[in-house]
Amino acid sequence: MDIVQRAKAMVLSPGAEWRVIEPESGDPAYLIVNYVAFLAAIPPAFQFLRGLLLGWRGPRIGFHHIHHFGLFSGLFGAVVHWLVALVVVYAIAVIIDGLAPTFMAQKNQQNAMKLAAYSLTPAWLAGVFALIPGLGFLRLIALIYSVYVFWLGLPILMKPPPDRTGPYALAAIVCGIVLAFVVAAIVGRGL
């Protein structure tokens, strides 16, 4: 797999790319090692760099103070967030596959893994904007676009009936959001 071409296609022409992805293997170990591990490293890497170079603002009580991460604590935090992102992608795939029978879709763990792994591409690529203060809204836009990419891929990979696609997508997205909030509460922000 050419990771650069795949990431580019998932951003620029996701509808067509899902049709290319459908017949491919969705082996979880392969996808995590050869795709997710690289792209999921972008946000924590750039947040780490921002913490080292620019610091982060403390609470706005009285005056705010700029805090800088120590090299090792920042690196540790970045690695933890990266590892958690890998686990979250797998958990989202399990949720997508687990919800399939409820919405009369095909239960297919490998396709669910492909859907979870590839649909987050725009959000991960937008992780570069973590380095520049004030560009957080671009990351939010990329996350919304990731939801759209997921929406395009769900009927192709999981094959729900057309009248069940919307509720299935909504249920999977809500479960993913709840999972993200739970993980963020446990591990800390920055996912």
Protein backbone atom coordinates (compact mmCIF):
# COMPACT_ATOMS: atom_id res chain seq x y z
CA MET A 1 0.00 0.00 0.00
CA ASP A 2 1.23 3.47 -0.86
CA ILE A 3 0.29 5.34 2.30
CA VAL A 4 0.69 8.79 0.72
CA GLN A 5 -1.53 7.94 -2.25
CA ARG A 6 -4.14 6.33 -0.02
CA ALA A 7 -4.24 9.33 2.35
CA LYS A 8 -4.46 11.74 -0.58
CA ALA A 9 -7.30 9.74 -2.16
CA MET A 10 -9.19 9.55 1.15
CA VAL A 11 -9.13 13.35 1.32
CA LEU A 12 -9.65 14.28 -2.34
CA SER A 13 -11.87 11.48 -3.70
CA PRO A 14 -13.14 9.32 -0.82
CA GLY A 15 -16.21 8.00 -2.66
CA ALA A 16 -14.08 6.49 -5.42
CA GLU A 17 -11.40 5.33 -2.98
CA TRP A 18 -13.89 3.33 -0.89
CA ARG A 19 -14.63 1.25 -4.01
CA VAL A 20 -10.89 0.57 -4.39
CA ILE A 21 -10.62 -0.34 -0.69
CA GLU A 22 -13.62 -2.68 -0.61
CA PRO A 23 -11.95 -5.78 -2.11
CA GLU A 24 -8.69 -5.27 -0.17
CA SER A 25 -7.81 -7.16 2.99
CA GLY A 26 -8.83 -5.47 6.19
CA ASP A 27 -6.55 -7.41 8.49
CA PRO A 28 -6.47 -5.32 11.70
CA ALA A 29 -2.79 -5.94 12.44
CA TYR A 30 -1.79 -5.01 8.89
CA LEU A 31 -3.87 -1.82 8.85
CA ILE A 32 -2.69 -0.69 12.26
CA VAL A 33 1.00 -1.30 11.52
CA ASN A 34 1.02 -0.07 7.91
CA TYR A 35 -1.45 2.82 7.98
CA VAL A 36 -2.97 3.81 11.29
CA ALA A 37 0.34 3.86 13.19
CA PHE A 38 1.78 6.45 10.83
CA LEU A 39 -1.20 8.75 10.45
CA ALA A 40 -2.33 8.54 14.08
CA ALA A 41 1.16 9.75 15.06
CA ILE A 42 0.66 13.12 13.35
CA PRO A 43 -1.56 14.87 15.95
CA PRO A 44 0.43 13.84 19.05
CA ALA A 45 3.74 14.59 17.29
CA PHE A 46 2.66 18.12 16.40
CA GLN A 47 1.11 18.69 19.82
CA PHE A 48 4.40 17.57 21.35
CA LEU A 49 6.32 20.01 19.16
CA ARG A 50 3.93 22.82 20.04
CA GLY A 51 4.30 22.05 23.74
CA LEU A 52 8.07 22.18 23.45
CA LEU A 53 8.28 25.23 21.23
CA LEU A 54 5.33 27.36 22.27
CA GLY A 55 4.01 25.82 25.46
CA TRP A 56 0.36 25.93 26.38
CA ARG A 57 -1.71 28.48 28.24
CA GLY A 58 -2.59 27.81 31.83
CA PRO A 59 -5.96 28.55 33.41
CA ARG A 60 -7.37 32.03 32.85
CA ILE A 61 -7.64 32.81 36.54
CA GLY A 62 -6.12 36.21 37.16
CA PHE A 63 -3.26 36.12 34.70
CA HIS A 64 -2.46 33.25 32.43
CA HIS A 65 0.90 31.69 32.31
CA ILE A 66 2.57 29.87 29.43
CA HIS A 67 3.68 26.38 30.47
CA HIS A 68 6.32 24.44 28.58
CA PHE A 69 6.46 20.68 28.57
CA GLY A 70 9.61 18.95 29.63
CA LEU A 71 11.14 16.86 26.87
CA PHE A 72 10.47 13.49 28.49
CA SER A 73 7.04 14.27 29.92
CA GLY A 74 5.91 15.70 26.58
CA LEU A 75 7.31 12.72 24.70
CA PHE A 76 5.66 10.30 27.14
CA GLY A 77 2.32 12.08 26.71
CA ALA A 78 2.63 11.95 22.91
CA VAL A 79 3.41 8.23 22.94
CA VAL A 80 0.49 7.50 25.27
CA HIS A 81 -1.92 9.47 23.07
CA TRP A 82 -0.60 7.69 19.98
CA LEU A 83 -1.02 4.23 21.55
CA VAL A 84 -4.51 5.14 22.75
CA ALA A 85 -5.42 6.27 19.21
CA LEU A 86 -4.45 2.82 17.90
CA VAL A 87 -6.66 1.13 20.49
CA VAL A 88 -9.54 3.54 19.80
CA VAL A 89 -9.47 2.75 16.06
CA TYR A 90 -9.74 -0.95 16.84
CA ALA A 91 -12.53 -0.29 19.36
CA ILE A 92 -14.45 1.76 16.79
CA ALA A 93 -14.12 -1.12 14.31
CA VAL A 94 -15.55 -3.51 16.92
CA ILE A 95 -18.45 -1.11 17.51
CA ILE A 96 -19.15 -0.76 13.76
CA ASP A 97 -19.11 -4.53 13.32
CA GLY A 98 -21.17 -5.11 16.46
CA LEU A 99 -23.87 -2.69 15.32
CA ALA A 100 -24.16 -4.27 11.85
CA PRO A 101 -26.90 -6.86 12.63
CA THR A 102 -29.03 -4.21 14.35
CA PHE A 103 -29.18 -2.29 11.05
CA MET A 104 -29.42 -5.36 8.79
CA ALA A 105 -25.90 -4.74 7.50
CA GLN A 106 -23.31 -7.40 6.72
CA LYS A 107 -21.27 -8.29 9.78
CA ASN A 108 -17.68 -8.08 8.55
CA GLN A 109 -14.85 -7.34 10.99
CA GLN A 110 -12.30 -6.62 8.26
CA ASN A 111 -14.54 -4.11 6.47
CA ALA A 112 -15.37 -2.48 9.80
CA MET A 113 -11.64 -2.14 10.46
CA LYS A 114 -11.06 -0.56 7.04
CA LEU A 115 -13.90 1.86 7.70
CA ALA A 116 -12.55 2.85 11.13
CA ALA A 117 -8.95 3.15 9.93
CA TYR A 118 -9.39 5.04 6.69
CA SER A 119 -12.25 7.38 7.59
CA LEU A 120 -10.13 9.13 10.23
CA THR A 121 -7.49 10.10 7.65
CA PRO A 122 -8.56 13.77 7.25
CA ALA A 123 -8.63 14.30 11.03
CA TRP A 124 -5.18 12.80 11.46
CA LEU A 125 -3.67 14.79 8.61
CA ALA A 126 -5.11 17.98 10.10
CA GLY A 127 -3.05 17.22 13.20
CA VAL A 128 -0.32 19.38 11.63
CA PHE A 129 -2.46 22.40 12.55
CA ALA A 130 -1.90 21.63 16.24
CA LEU A 131 1.46 23.35 15.86
CA ILE A 132 -0.03 26.73 15.00
CA PRO A 133 -2.12 28.50 17.66
CA GLY A 134 -5.50 29.66 16.42
CA LEU A 135 -5.92 26.98 13.75
CA GLY A 136 -7.84 24.53 15.92
CA PHE A 137 -10.97 25.25 13.88
CA LEU A 138 -9.28 23.59 10.88
CA ARG A 139 -8.91 20.41 12.92
CA LEU A 140 -12.61 20.58 13.74
CA ILE A 141 -13.46 21.00 10.06
CA ALA A 142 -11.26 17.99 9.22
CA LEU A 143 -13.00 15.93 11.90
CA ILE A 144 -16.39 16.83 10.40
CA TYR A 145 -15.02 15.87 6.99
CA SER A 146 -13.90 12.53 8.49
CA VAL A 147 -17.53 11.93 9.50
CA TYR A 148 -18.53 12.62 5.88
CA VAL A 149 -15.85 10.20 4.63
CA PHE A 150 -17.20 7.59 7.06
CA TRP A 151 -20.73 8.26 5.78
CA LEU A 152 -19.58 7.59 2.20
CA GLY A 153 -17.79 4.36 3.13
CA LEU A 154 -20.41 2.77 5.36
CA PRO A 155 -22.82 1.64 2.60
CA ILE A 156 -19.96 0.37 0.44
CA LEU A 157 -18.20 -1.66 3.13
CA MET A 158 -20.95 -2.73 5.54
CA LYS A 159 -23.81 -2.88 2.99
CA PRO A 160 -26.81 -1.86 5.10
CA PRO A 161 -30.14 -1.45 3.30
CA PRO A 162 -30.46 2.15 2.03
CA ASP A 163 -33.14 3.03 4.59
CA ARG A 164 -30.87 1.82 7.44
CA THR A 165 -27.66 3.58 6.35
CA GLY A 166 -28.46 6.87 8.09
CA PRO A 167 -29.45 5.38 11.46
CA TYR A 168 -26.47 2.96 11.31
CA ALA A 169 -24.04 5.79 10.58
CA LEU A 170 -25.55 7.97 13.30
CA ALA A 171 -25.38 5.16 15.88
CA ALA A 172 -21.75 4.40 15.02
CA ILE A 173 -20.79 8.09 15.11
CA VAL A 174 -22.51 8.66 18.46
CA CYS A 175 -20.77 5.58 19.90
CA GLY A 176 -17.45 6.90 18.56
CA ILE A 177 -18.03 10.31 20.15
CA VAL A 178 -18.93 8.75 23.50
CA LEU A 179 -15.83 6.55 23.27
CA ALA A 180 -13.66 9.61 22.52
CA PHE A 181 -15.07 11.49 25.53
CA VAL A 182 -14.52 8.51 27.84
CA VAL A 183 -10.96 8.02 26.60
CA ALA A 184 -10.22 11.75 26.87
CA ALA A 185 -11.52 11.76 30.44
CA ILE A 186 -9.23 8.86 31.32
CA VAL A 187 -6.10 9.73 29.36
CA GLY A 188 -6.43 13.48 28.98
CA ARG A 189 -7.20 15.79 26.13
CA GLY A 190 -5.37 15.83 22.86
CA LEU A 191 -6.81 12.85 21.05
